């Protein structure tokens, strides 16, 4: 269900039918949150996250949409 929802959201973004909800947030925290969801599988494969993002590094973006993209990248690397 999560995969289908994410794909639909990405399709809407691509078709520009989705409104961006811009906010400032820590990209490092977002990456760590995404990694936590995949870390059990990654640990079984001896994969680690080489986190070089400063905790003070901020971005202005649509957090929910960026989270979808980052989670897909991390999941792809771990699976």
Protein backbone atom coordinates (compact mmCIF):
# COMPACT_ATOMS: atom_id res chain seq x y z
CA UNK A 1 0.00 0.00 0.00
CA UNK A 2 2.84 2.40 0.89
CA UNK A 3 4.57 1.75 -2.43
CA UNK A 4 1.41 2.44 -4.43
CA UNK A 5 0.74 5.64 -2.48
CA UNK A 6 4.31 6.81 -3.02
CA UNK A 7 4.19 6.06 -6.74
CA UNK A 8 0.92 7.95 -7.10
CA UNK A 9 2.39 10.93 -5.28
CA UNK A 10 5.49 10.93 -7.49
CA UNK A 11 3.32 10.69 -10.60
CA UNK A 12 1.30 13.69 -9.46
CA UNK A 13 4.53 15.62 -8.89
CA UNK A 14 5.74 14.69 -12.34
CA UNK A 15 2.43 15.76 -13.89
CA UNK A 16 2.50 18.96 -11.84
CA UNK A 17 -0.93 18.25 -10.36
CA UNK A 18 0.41 18.35 -6.84
CA UNK A 19 0.93 21.51 -4.83
CA UNK A 20 4.31 21.97 -3.18
CA UNK A 21 4.32 22.55 0.55
CA UNK A 22 7.66 24.32 1.03
CA UNK A 23 9.26 24.45 4.45
CA UNK A 24 12.74 24.71 5.94
CA UNK A 25 14.02 21.56 7.65
CA UNK A 26 17.16 19.59 8.45
CA UNK A 27 17.99 17.35 5.52
CA UNK A 28 20.31 15.29 7.75
CA UNK A 29 17.46 14.40 10.09
CA UNK A 30 15.31 13.41 7.14
CA UNK A 31 18.03 11.11 5.76
CA UNK A 32 18.47 9.50 9.19
CA UNK A 33 14.71 8.93 9.50
CA UNK A 34 14.60 7.27 6.09
CA UNK A 35 17.64 5.14 6.96
CA UNK A 36 16.01 3.93 10.20
CA UNK A 37 13.13 2.44 8.20
CA UNK A 38 15.58 0.39 6.14
CA UNK A 39 18.32 -0.25 8.69
CA UNK A 40 17.15 -3.74 9.76
CA UNK A 41 17.50 -5.04 6.21
CA UNK A 42 20.71 -3.09 5.64
CA UNK A 43 22.26 -4.42 8.85
CA UNK A 44 21.62 -8.00 7.76
CA UNK A 45 23.62 -7.20 4.62
CA UNK A 46 26.37 -5.38 6.58
CA UNK A 47 25.43 -2.06 4.98
CA UNK A 48 25.97 1.18 6.86
CA UNK A 49 25.09 4.80 6.28
CA UNK A 50 28.14 7.05 5.86
CA UNK A 51 26.44 10.18 7.14
CA UNK A 52 28.38 13.30 6.14
CA UNK A 53 25.50 15.74 6.34
CA UNK A 54 25.92 18.41 8.99
CA UNK A 55 23.04 18.43 11.50
CA UNK A 56 22.79 22.18 10.94
CA UNK A 57 22.35 21.81 7.15
CA UNK A 58 18.90 23.09 6.22
CA UNK A 59 16.97 22.99 2.96
CA UNK A 60 13.74 24.56 1.76
CA UNK A 61 11.68 21.95 -0.02
CA UNK A 62 8.51 19.92 0.16
CA UNK A 63 9.55 17.61 2.99
CA UNK A 64 6.99 14.89 2.28
CA UNK A 65 7.92 14.64 -1.39
CA UNK A 66 11.66 14.73 -0.71
CA UNK A 67 11.16 12.01 1.88
CA UNK A 68 9.51 9.79 -0.73
CA UNK A 69 12.46 10.27 -3.07
CA UNK A 70 15.11 9.71 -0.38
CA UNK A 71 13.34 6.62 0.92
CA UNK A 72 13.22 5.15 -2.58
CA UNK A 73 16.96 5.75 -3.05
CA UNK A 74 17.85 4.22 0.32
CA UNK A 75 15.50 1.26 -0.20
CA UNK A 76 16.98 0.63 -3.65
CA UNK A 77 20.49 0.63 -2.24
CA UNK A 78 19.58 -1.79 0.57
CA UNK A 79 17.44 -4.26 -1.37
